[in-house]
Amino acid sequence: MKFFCHHRDRPESLALRLALTEDHWAYMDGYERELIARGPTFADDGETPTGSVHIADLPDPAAARAFAFDEPGYQAGVYRDVLLRRWHDLLGRTMWEFPGRADEGEGYLVLGLGSGPAADLAPPRQDDLVAYGPLVSDDDTRWLGTAALLRAPGPEAARAVLTADRYADIEVHLWEPGGRR
């Protein structure tokens, strides 16, 4: 089962986040084989971290909760909240297999939250997409939204990957592929 996890930083937690960087990376090293995509999100300045995204293939919802909530930054209070949802991988690849050019456009996380009939179940343009798929309930019976990691020339172009009127809210965050540098 694949899971989408977005840890969102608490205000004023940057110093703590930076102090825990090595602990975070060491923790994620333990999930190297399970990771489909990862990386930090940033404020509009492109410098200030606002969160961390991880997409992982894990055995079940309990393992996903352990992955999300045993993370050192979460344990230390870096994050204000965590969005953890089961996720369907519509591209069938990891971010390391992304065929596009990493230097074309900015990286974005586009997160559409919704309910009711599923929307955007077919990726609109695969050449810009790093990861893409619907967010669903743990029992896989309800569509809850769509998450996409992509390269785009700007936030409006990134937002256009989702059908705006099908979501209660669409968030667009600057995102950078992550891992050890």
N, C-alpha and C. Protein backbone atom coordinates (compact mmCIF):
# COMPACT_ATOMS: atom_id res chain seq x y z
N MET A 1 0.84 -1.17 0.00
CA MET A 1 0.00 0.00 0.00
C MET A 1 0.88 1.23 0.00
N LYS A 2 0.47 2.20 -0.76
CA LYS A 2 1.23 3.44 -0.83
C LYS A 2 0.53 4.51 0.00
N PHE A 3 1.35 5.34 0.65
CA PHE A 3 0.83 6.39 1.52
C PHE A 3 1.52 7.71 1.23
N PHE A 4 0.73 8.78 1.27
CA PHE A 4 1.20 10.14 1.12
C PHE A 4 1.25 10.76 2.51
N CYS A 5 2.38 11.37 2.85
CA CYS A 5 2.56 11.96 4.17
C CYS A 5 3.12 13.37 4.01
N HIS A 6 2.42 14.35 4.55
CA HIS A 6 2.89 15.74 4.51
C HIS A 6 2.95 16.26 5.94
N HIS A 7 4.17 16.36 6.47
CA HIS A 7 4.41 16.98 7.77
C HIS A 7 4.48 18.49 7.53
N ARG A 8 3.68 19.27 8.26
CA ARG A 8 3.67 20.73 8.10
C ARG A 8 4.30 21.37 9.34
N ASP A 9 5.31 22.20 9.09
CA ASP A 9 6.06 22.80 10.19
C ASP A 9 5.22 23.74 11.04
N ARG A 10 5.54 23.76 12.33
CA ARG A 10 4.98 24.76 13.24
C ARG A 10 5.70 26.08 12.99
N PRO A 11 5.01 27.20 13.18
CA PRO A 11 5.72 28.48 13.13
C PRO A 11 6.85 28.48 14.16
N GLU A 12 7.93 29.13 13.83
CA GLU A 12 9.07 29.28 14.75
C GLU A 12 9.77 27.97 15.08
N SER A 13 9.66 26.95 14.23
CA SER A 13 10.32 25.68 14.52
C SER A 13 11.56 25.44 13.66
N LEU A 14 11.98 26.44 12.90
CA LEU A 14 13.10 26.26 11.96
C LEU A 14 14.38 25.81 12.68
N ALA A 15 14.73 26.45 13.78
CA ALA A 15 15.97 26.07 14.48
C ALA A 15 15.93 24.61 14.93
N LEU A 16 14.80 24.17 15.44
CA LEU A 16 14.65 22.77 15.86
C LEU A 16 14.73 21.84 14.65
N ARG A 17 14.07 22.23 13.57
CA ARG A 17 14.13 21.42 12.33
C ARG A 17 15.56 21.24 11.87
N LEU A 18 16.30 22.35 11.83
CA LEU A 18 17.69 22.29 11.37
C LEU A 18 18.56 21.45 12.31
N ALA A 19 18.31 21.54 13.60
CA ALA A 19 19.08 20.75 14.57
C ALA A 19 18.82 19.25 14.40
N LEU A 20 17.67 18.90 13.86
CA LEU A 20 17.30 17.49 13.71
C LEU A 20 17.51 16.95 12.29
N THR A 21 18.16 17.72 11.43
CA THR A 21 18.32 17.29 10.04
C THR A 21 18.97 15.92 9.93
N GLU A 22 20.06 15.70 10.60
CA GLU A 22 20.74 14.41 10.50
C GLU A 22 19.88 13.29 11.07
N ASP A 23 19.19 13.54 12.17
CA ASP A 23 18.30 12.53 12.74
C ASP A 23 17.18 12.17 11.75
N HIS A 24 16.63 13.19 11.10
CA HIS A 24 15.58 12.97 10.09
C HIS A 24 16.12 12.11 8.94
N TRP A 25 17.27 12.50 8.41
CA TRP A 25 17.83 11.74 7.29
C TRP A 25 18.16 10.31 7.69
N ALA A 26 18.72 10.13 8.88
CA ALA A 26 19.03 8.78 9.35
C ALA A 26 17.75 7.95 9.48
N TYR A 27 16.69 8.56 9.98
CA TYR A 27 15.41 7.85 10.08
C TYR A 27 14.92 7.45 8.69
N MET A 28 14.97 8.37 7.74
CA MET A 28 14.50 8.08 6.39
C MET A 28 15.40 7.07 5.68
N ASP A 29 16.68 7.02 6.04
CA ASP A 29 17.56 5.99 5.47
C ASP A 29 17.01 4.59 5.74
N GLY A 30 16.34 4.44 6.86
CA GLY A 30 15.75 3.15 7.19
C GLY A 30 14.57 2.77 6.29
N TYR A 31 14.07 3.74 5.56
CA TYR A 31 12.94 3.52 4.64
C TYR A 31 13.35 3.70 3.17
N GLU A 32 14.62 3.65 2.89
CA GLU A 32 15.12 3.92 1.55
C GLU A 32 14.41 3.09 0.48
N ARG A 33 14.20 1.83 0.73
CA ARG A 33 13.57 0.95 -0.28
C ARG A 33 12.08 1.23 -0.45
N GLU A 34 11.45 1.77 0.58
CA GLU A 34 10.00 2.01 0.54
C GLU A 34 9.63 3.37 -0.06
N LEU A 35 10.58 4.29 -0.14
CA LEU A 35 10.26 5.65 -0.57
C LEU A 35 10.05 5.75 -2.08
N ILE A 36 8.98 6.41 -2.45
CA ILE A 36 8.63 6.69 -3.84
C ILE A 36 9.03 8.13 -4.18
N ALA A 37 8.84 9.02 -3.22
CA ALA A 37 9.23 10.43 -3.38
C ALA A 37 9.40 11.03 -2.00
N ARG A 38 10.18 12.10 -1.95
CA ARG A 38 10.43 12.79 -0.69
C ARG A 38 10.96 14.18 -0.97
N GLY A 39 10.87 15.03 0.02
CA GLY A 39 11.48 16.34 -0.10
C GLY A 39 10.75 17.41 0.68
N PRO A 40 11.45 18.51 0.94
CA PRO A 40 10.86 19.60 1.71
C PRO A 40 9.98 20.51 0.86
N THR A 41 9.02 21.15 1.54
CA THR A 41 8.26 22.24 0.93
C THR A 41 8.81 23.55 1.50
N PHE A 42 8.58 24.63 0.75
CA PHE A 42 9.14 25.93 1.12
C PHE A 42 8.10 27.04 1.02
N ALA A 43 8.35 28.10 1.78
CA ALA A 43 7.55 29.32 1.67
C ALA A 43 7.81 29.96 0.31
N ASP A 44 7.05 30.98 -0.01
CA ASP A 44 7.18 31.64 -1.31
C ASP A 44 8.58 32.20 -1.57
N ASP A 45 9.37 32.43 -0.51
CA ASP A 45 10.73 32.93 -0.71
C ASP A 45 11.66 31.86 -1.26
N GLY A 46 11.21 30.61 -1.28
CA GLY A 46 12.01 29.51 -1.81
C GLY A 46 13.14 29.08 -0.89
N GLU A 47 13.22 29.66 0.29
CA GLU A 47 14.31 29.37 1.22
C GLU A 47 13.84 28.80 2.55
N THR A 48 12.71 29.27 3.04
CA THR A 48 12.23 28.90 4.36
C THR A 48 11.43 27.61 4.29
N PRO A 49 11.90 26.53 4.94
CA PRO A 49 11.15 25.27 4.92
C PRO A 49 9.80 25.44 5.61
N THR A 50 8.78 24.77 5.04
CA THR A 50 7.44 24.80 5.63
C THR A 50 6.92 23.40 5.94
N GLY A 51 7.63 22.38 5.50
CA GLY A 51 7.17 21.02 5.73
C GLY A 51 8.01 20.00 5.00
N SER A 52 7.57 18.75 5.07
CA SER A 52 8.24 17.64 4.41
C SER A 52 7.20 16.72 3.80
N VAL A 53 7.47 16.27 2.57
CA VAL A 53 6.59 15.33 1.88
C VAL A 53 7.32 14.00 1.74
N HIS A 54 6.58 12.93 2.02
CA HIS A 54 7.10 11.58 1.80
C HIS A 54 5.99 10.73 1.23
N ILE A 55 6.28 10.00 0.18
CA ILE A 55 5.37 9.00 -0.36
C ILE A 55 6.10 7.67 -0.22
N ALA A 56 5.45 6.74 0.48
CA ALA A 56 6.11 5.48 0.80
C ALA A 56 5.19 4.30 0.57
N ASP A 57 5.79 3.19 0.20
CA ASP A 57 5.07 1.93 0.02
C ASP A 57 5.26 1.13 1.31
N LEU A 58 4.19 1.01 2.09
CA LEU A 58 4.25 0.39 3.41
C LEU A 58 3.20 -0.71 3.52
N PRO A 59 3.36 -1.65 4.46
CA PRO A 59 2.47 -2.82 4.50
C PRO A 59 1.00 -2.51 4.79
N ASP A 60 0.74 -1.49 5.64
CA ASP A 60 -0.64 -1.25 6.05
C ASP A 60 -0.74 0.11 6.74
N PRO A 61 -1.97 0.55 7.07
CA PRO A 61 -2.13 1.85 7.72
C PRO A 61 -1.38 1.97 9.05
N ALA A 62 -1.29 0.90 9.81
CA ALA A 62 -0.55 0.97 11.09
C ALA A 62 0.93 1.27 10.83
N ALA A 63 1.51 0.64 9.84
CA ALA A 63 2.91 0.92 9.49
C ALA A 63 3.07 2.35 9.00
N ALA A 64 2.09 2.86 8.28
CA ALA A 64 2.14 4.24 7.80
C ALA A 64 2.09 5.22 8.97
N ARG A 65 1.23 4.95 9.94
CA ARG A 65 1.16 5.82 11.12
C ARG A 65 2.48 5.78 11.89
N ALA A 66 3.07 4.61 12.03
CA ALA A 66 4.37 4.52 12.70
C ALA A 66 5.42 5.32 11.94
N PHE A 67 5.44 5.18 10.62
CA PHE A 67 6.37 5.94 9.78
C PHE A 67 6.22 7.44 10.04
N ALA A 68 4.99 7.94 10.02
CA ALA A 68 4.74 9.37 10.15
C ALA A 68 5.01 9.90 11.56
N PHE A 69 4.59 9.16 12.56
CA PHE A 69 4.61 9.70 13.92
C PHE A 69 5.83 9.30 14.74
N ASP A 70 6.63 8.36 14.26
CA ASP A 70 7.89 8.05 14.92
C ASP A 70 9.04 8.90 14.38
N GLU A 71 8.78 9.65 13.34
CA GLU A 71 9.80 10.51 12.71
C GLU A 71 10.35 11.48 13.75
N PRO A 72 11.67 11.67 13.83
CA PRO A 72 12.27 12.49 14.89
C PRO A 72 11.73 13.93 14.97
N GLY A 73 11.48 14.57 13.85
CA GLY A 73 10.94 15.92 13.89
C GLY A 73 9.56 15.97 14.50
N TYR A 74 8.74 14.97 14.18
CA TYR A 74 7.41 14.90 14.78
C TYR A 74 7.53 14.69 16.29
N GLN A 75 8.38 13.75 16.67
CA GLN A 75 8.55 13.45 18.09
C GLN A 75 9.04 14.67 18.87
N ALA A 76 9.85 15.53 18.24
CA ALA A 76 10.42 16.70 18.92
C ALA A 76 9.52 17.93 18.86
N GLY A 77 8.45 17.88 18.07
CA GLY A 77 7.54 19.02 18.01
C GLY A 77 7.78 19.99 16.86
N VAL A 78 8.50 19.57 15.83
CA VAL A 78 8.73 20.46 14.68
C VAL A 78 7.44 20.75 13.93
N TYR A 79 6.55 19.78 13.86
CA TYR A 79 5.39 19.89 12.97
C TYR A 79 4.12 20.30 13.71
N ARG A 80 3.31 21.11 13.05
CA ARG A 80 2.01 21.50 13.62
C ARG A 80 0.94 20.47 13.31
N ASP A 81 1.08 19.78 12.18
CA ASP A 81 0.14 18.71 11.85
C ASP A 81 0.74 17.81 10.79
N VAL A 82 0.07 16.69 10.59
CA VAL A 82 0.50 15.71 9.61
C VAL A 82 -0.72 15.26 8.80
N LEU A 83 -0.62 15.37 7.49
CA LEU A 83 -1.63 14.81 6.61
C LEU A 83 -1.11 13.46 6.15
N LEU A 84 -1.81 12.40 6.51
CA LEU A 84 -1.41 11.04 6.15
C LEU A 84 -2.60 10.37 5.50
N ARG A 85 -2.43 10.00 4.22
CA ARG A 85 -3.52 9.37 3.47
C ARG A 85 -2.97 8.25 2.61
N ARG A 86 -3.78 7.24 2.44
CA ARG A 86 -3.46 6.21 1.46
C ARG A 86 -3.46 6.89 0.09
N TRP A 87 -2.61 6.42 -0.81
CA TRP A 87 -2.39 7.09 -2.09
C TRP A 87 -2.23 6.05 -3.19
N HIS A 88 -2.85 6.32 -4.33
CA HIS A 88 -2.68 5.42 -5.48
C HIS A 88 -1.70 6.05 -6.47
N ASP A 89 -0.69 5.32 -6.82
CA ASP A 89 0.36 5.77 -7.73
C ASP A 89 -0.09 5.55 -9.17
N LEU A 90 -0.45 6.64 -9.86
CA LEU A 90 -0.92 6.51 -11.23
C LEU A 90 0.21 6.57 -12.26
N LEU A 91 1.43 6.83 -11.82
CA LEU A 91 2.57 6.89 -12.75
C LEU A 91 3.43 5.63 -12.72
N GLY A 92 3.42 4.92 -11.60
CA GLY A 92 4.17 3.68 -11.49
C GLY A 92 5.68 3.85 -11.50
N ARG A 93 6.14 4.94 -10.89
CA ARG A 93 7.60 5.15 -10.83
C ARG A 93 7.93 5.95 -9.57
N THR A 94 9.21 5.98 -9.25
CA THR A 94 9.68 6.79 -8.13
C THR A 94 10.17 8.13 -8.68
N MET A 95 10.45 9.05 -7.76
CA MET A 95 10.96 10.35 -8.21
C MET A 95 12.34 10.21 -8.86
N TRP A 96 13.07 9.16 -8.50
CA TRP A 96 14.40 8.94 -9.08
C TRP A 96 14.30 8.43 -10.51
N GLU A 97 13.12 8.00 -10.92
CA GLU A 97 12.89 7.53 -12.28
C GLU A 97 12.19 8.58 -13.14
N PHE A 98 11.99 9.79 -12.60
CA PHE A 98 11.34 10.87 -13.33
C PHE A 98 12.11 11.14 -14.63
N PRO A 99 11.42 11.04 -15.78
CA PRO A 99 12.11 11.18 -17.05
C PRO A 99 12.38 12.62 -17.48
N GLY A 100 11.73 13.59 -16.81
CA GLY A 100 11.91 14.99 -17.19
C GLY A 100 13.24 15.54 -16.73
N ARG A 101 13.50 16.75 -17.13
CA ARG A 101 14.72 17.43 -16.72
C ARG A 101 14.50 18.11 -15.38
N ALA A 102 15.32 17.81 -14.43
CA ALA A 102 15.18 18.36 -13.09
C ALA A 102 15.41 19.86 -13.05
N ASP A 103 16.04 20.44 -14.08
CA ASP A 103 16.33 21.87 -14.07
C ASP A 103 15.30 22.70 -14.84
N GLU A 104 14.22 22.09 -15.30
CA GLU A 104 13.18 22.82 -16.03
C GLU A 104 12.03 23.16 -15.10
N GLY A 105 11.85 24.45 -14.83
CA GLY A 105 10.77 24.88 -13.95
C GLY A 105 11.07 24.61 -12.49
N GLU A 106 10.17 25.09 -11.66
CA GLU A 106 10.26 24.87 -10.22
C GLU A 106 9.55 23.56 -9.86
N GLY A 107 9.89 23.02 -8.71
CA GLY A 107 9.18 21.86 -8.20
C GLY A 107 8.02 22.32 -7.32
N TYR A 108 6.89 21.62 -7.44
CA TYR A 108 5.70 21.96 -6.66
C TYR A 108 5.03 20.72 -6.11
N LEU A 109 4.43 20.89 -4.94
CA LEU A 109 3.45 19.96 -4.41
C LEU A 109 2.10 20.63 -4.64
N VAL A 110 1.21 19.93 -5.33
CA VAL A 110 -0.17 20.41 -5.50
C VAL A 110 -1.05 19.40 -4.78
N LEU A 111 -1.82 19.90 -3.84
CA LEU A 111 -2.63 19.06 -2.99
C LEU A 111 -4.08 19.54 -3.07
N GLY A 112 -4.93 18.73 -3.67
CA GLY A 112 -6.34 19.05 -3.76
C GLY A 112 -7.12 18.17 -2.80
N LEU A 113 -7.88 18.80 -1.90
CA LEU A 113 -8.67 18.06 -0.93
C LEU A 113 -10.14 18.14 -1.30
N GLY A 114 -10.83 17.02 -1.28
CA GLY A 114 -12.22 17.01 -1.68
C GLY A 114 -12.96 15.81 -1.12
N SER A 115 -14.18 15.63 -1.59
CA SER A 115 -15.00 14.48 -1.22
C SER A 115 -15.99 14.23 -2.34
N GLY A 116 -16.70 13.14 -2.24
CA GLY A 116 -17.68 12.82 -3.27
C GLY A 116 -17.05 12.04 -4.40
N PRO A 117 -17.62 12.18 -5.61
CA PRO A 117 -17.09 11.44 -6.76
C PRO A 117 -15.63 11.84 -7.04
N ALA A 118 -14.83 10.86 -7.37
CA ALA A 118 -13.41 11.10 -7.63
C ALA A 118 -13.21 12.00 -8.84
N ALA A 119 -12.15 12.79 -8.79
CA ALA A 119 -11.79 13.68 -9.89
C ALA A 119 -10.33 13.47 -10.25
N ASP A 120 -10.00 13.84 -11.46
CA ASP A 120 -8.61 13.85 -11.93
C ASP A 120 -7.93 12.49 -11.74
N LEU A 121 -8.60 11.43 -12.15
CA LEU A 121 -8.04 10.08 -12.01
C LEU A 121 -7.08 9.72 -13.15
N ALA A 122 -7.00 10.56 -14.14
CA ALA A 122 -6.03 10.35 -15.23
C ALA A 122 -5.06 11.52 -15.20
N PRO A 123 -3.77 11.25 -15.11
CA PRO A 123 -2.80 12.35 -15.11
C PRO A 123 -2.91 13.19 -16.39
N PRO A 124 -2.97 14.50 -16.25
CA PRO A 124 -3.18 15.36 -17.42
C PRO A 124 -1.99 15.44 -18.38
N ARG A 125 -0.80 15.52 -17.84
CA ARG A 125 0.40 15.65 -18.68
C ARG A 125 1.56 15.00 -17.95
N GLN A 126 1.87 13.79 -18.31
CA GLN A 126 2.81 13.00 -17.55
C GLN A 126 4.24 13.50 -17.61
N ASP A 127 4.63 14.23 -18.64
CA ASP A 127 6.04 14.62 -18.77
C ASP A 127 6.50 15.59 -17.69
N ASP A 128 5.58 16.33 -17.05
CA ASP A 128 5.94 17.26 -15.98
C ASP A 128 5.77 16.66 -14.59
N LEU A 129 5.13 15.50 -14.52
CA LEU A 129 4.76 14.93 -13.23
C LEU A 129 5.85 14.03 -12.66
N VAL A 130 6.20 14.29 -11.42
CA VAL A 130 7.15 13.46 -10.70
C VAL A 130 6.40 12.34 -9.99
N ALA A 131 5.26 12.67 -9.38
CA ALA A 131 4.38 11.70 -8.71
C ALA A 131 2.97 12.24 -8.81
N TYR A 132 1.98 11.34 -8.93
CA TYR A 132 0.60 11.78 -9.12
C TYR A 132 -0.35 10.66 -8.73
N GLY A 133 -1.41 11.02 -7.98
CA GLY A 133 -2.41 10.02 -7.68
C GLY A 133 -3.44 10.50 -6.68
N PRO A 134 -4.55 9.76 -6.62
CA PRO A 134 -5.61 10.12 -5.68
C PRO A 134 -5.27 9.73 -4.25
N LEU A 135 -5.78 10.54 -3.32
CA LEU A 135 -5.73 10.26 -1.90
C LEU A 135 -7.05 9.56 -1.55
N VAL A 136 -6.98 8.47 -0.81
CA VAL A 136 -8.18 7.70 -0.49
C VAL A 136 -8.19 7.34 0.99
N SER A 137 -9.35 6.90 1.47
CA SER A 137 -9.48 6.46 2.85
C SER A 137 -8.66 5.19 3.06
N ASP A 138 -8.34 4.90 4.31
CA ASP A 138 -7.54 3.71 4.63
C ASP A 138 -8.15 2.43 4.08
N ASP A 139 -9.49 2.36 4.05
CA ASP A 139 -10.14 1.16 3.53
C ASP A 139 -10.34 1.21 2.01
N ASP A 140 -9.82 2.24 1.38
CA ASP A 140 -9.84 2.39 -0.08
C ASP A 140 -11.25 2.53 -0.66
N THR A 141 -12.19 3.02 0.13
CA THR A 141 -13.57 3.14 -0.36
C THR A 141 -13.98 4.57 -0.69
N ARG A 142 -13.23 5.56 -0.20
CA ARG A 142 -13.61 6.96 -0.43
C ARG A 142 -12.44 7.76 -0.99
N TRP A 143 -12.73 8.53 -2.02
CA TRP A 143 -11.77 9.47 -2.59
C TRP A 143 -11.75 10.70 -1.71
N LEU A 144 -10.55 11.18 -1.35
CA LEU A 144 -10.40 12.31 -0.45
C LEU A 144 -9.63 13.47 -1.09
N GLY A 145 -9.13 13.26 -2.31
CA GLY A 145 -8.39 14.31 -2.98
C GLY A 145 -7.34 13.75 -3.92
N THR A 146 -6.42 14.61 -4.32
CA THR A 146 -5.36 14.24 -5.24
C THR A 146 -4.07 14.93 -4.81
N ALA A 147 -2.96 14.22 -4.90
CA ALA A 147 -1.65 14.80 -4.61
C ALA A 147 -0.76 14.64 -5.82
N ALA A 148 -0.05 15.72 -6.16
CA ALA A 148 0.86 15.70 -7.30
C ALA A 148 2.16 16.40 -6.93
N LEU A 149 3.26 15.84 -7.35
CA LEU A 149 4.57 16.50 -7.32
C LEU A 149 4.93 16.71 -8.78
N LEU A 150 5.32 17.93 -9.14
CA LEU A 150 5.57 18.21 -10.54
C LEU A 150 6.55 19.37 -10.72
N ARG A 151 7.01 19.49 -11.97
CA ARG A 151 7.82 20.62 -12.40
C ARG A 151 6.90 21.53 -13.20
N ALA A 152 6.95 22.84 -12.95
CA ALA A 152 6.11 23.79 -13.67
C ALA A 152 6.79 25.15 -13.70
N PRO A 153 6.41 26.00 -14.67
CA PRO A 153 7.02 27.33 -14.75
C PRO A 153 6.59 28.28 -13.65
N GLY A 154 5.53 27.96 -12.92
CA GLY A 154 5.06 28.82 -11.84
C GLY A 154 3.90 28.18 -11.11
N PRO A 155 3.46 28.80 -9.99
CA PRO A 155 2.42 28.20 -9.17
C PRO A 155 1.07 28.07 -9.88
N GLU A 156 0.71 29.00 -10.73
CA GLU A 156 -0.57 28.89 -11.44
C GLU A 156 -0.56 27.72 -12.42
N ALA A 157 0.55 27.54 -13.11
CA ALA A 157 0.68 26.40 -14.02
C ALA A 157 0.64 25.09 -13.23
N ALA A 158 1.24 25.08 -12.04
CA ALA A 158 1.19 23.88 -11.21
C ALA A 158 -0.24 23.60 -10.75
N ARG A 159 -0.94 24.64 -10.29
CA ARG A 159 -2.32 24.48 -9.83
C ARG A 159 -3.23 23.93 -10.93
N ALA A 160 -2.94 24.26 -12.17
CA ALA A 160 -3.78 23.85 -13.31
C ALA A 160 -3.76 22.35 -13.55
N VAL A 161 -2.89 21.61 -12.85
CA VAL A 161 -2.85 20.16 -13.01
C VAL A 161 -4.14 19.53 -12.46
N LEU A 162 -4.85 20.25 -11.57
CA LEU A 162 -6.11 19.75 -10.99
C LEU A 162 -7.29 20.58 -11.48
N THR A 163 -8.45 19.95 -11.56
CA THR A 163 -9.68 20.61 -11.95
C THR A 163 -10.21 21.40 -10.76
N ALA A 164 -10.08 22.71 -10.80
CA ALA A 164 -10.31 23.57 -9.64
C ALA A 164 -11.68 23.38 -8.98
N ASP A 165 -12.74 23.27 -9.75
CA ASP A 165 -14.08 23.23 -9.16
C ASP A 165 -14.45 21.87 -8.55
N ARG A 166 -13.54 20.93 -8.57
CA ARG A 166 -13.79 19.60 -7.99
C ARG A 166 -13.23 19.44 -6.57
N TYR A 167 -12.60 20.48 -6.05
CA TYR A 167 -11.94 20.39 -4.76
C TYR A 167 -12.45 21.47 -3.81
N ALA A 168 -12.52 21.14 -2.54
CA ALA A 168 -12.86 22.12 -1.52
C ALA A 168 -11.72 23.12 -1.37
N ASP A 169 -10.49 22.65 -1.58
CA ASP A 169 -9.32 23.51 -1.46
C ASP A 169 -8.19 22.89 -2.28
N ILE A 170 -7.39 23.75 -2.88
CA ILE A 170 -6.17 23.31 -3.57
C ILE A 170 -5.02 24.12 -3.00
N GLU A 171 -4.03 23.41 -2.48
CA GLU A 171 -2.81 24.04 -1.96
C GLU A 171 -1.69 23.84 -2.96
N VAL A 172 -0.87 24.86 -3.11
CA VAL A 172 0.32 24.77 -3.96
C VAL A 172 1.51 25.19 -3.12
N HIS A 173 2.50 24.31 -3.03
CA HIS A 173 3.70 24.57 -2.23
C HIS A 173 4.93 24.39 -3.11
N LEU A 174 5.91 25.25 -2.98
CA LEU A 174 7.21 24.98 -3.58
C LEU A 174 7.74 23.69 -2.97
N TRP A 175 8.32 22.86 -3.79
CA TRP A 175 8.81 21.55 -3.33
C TRP A 175 10.14 21.27 -4.04
N GLU A 176 11.01 20.61 -3.31
CA GLU A 176 12.31 20.21 -3.86
C GLU A 176 12.52 18.73 -3.58
N PRO A 177 12.94 17.96 -4.60
CA PRO A 177 13.27 16.56 -4.32
C PRO A 177 14.29 16.49 -3.19
N GLY A 178 14.08 15.60 -2.24
CA GLY A 178 14.91 15.58 -1.06
C GLY A 178 15.75 14.33 -0.92
N GLY A 179 16.37 14.27 0.23
CA GLY A 179 17.28 13.20 0.57
C GLY A 179 18.61 13.78 0.98
N ARG A 180 19.53 12.93 1.26
CA ARG A 180 20.86 13.41 1.66
C ARG A 180 21.51 14.18 0.52
N ARG A 181 22.19 15.25 0.89
CA ARG A 181 22.89 16.05 -0.11
C ARG A 181 24.34 15.60 -0.19
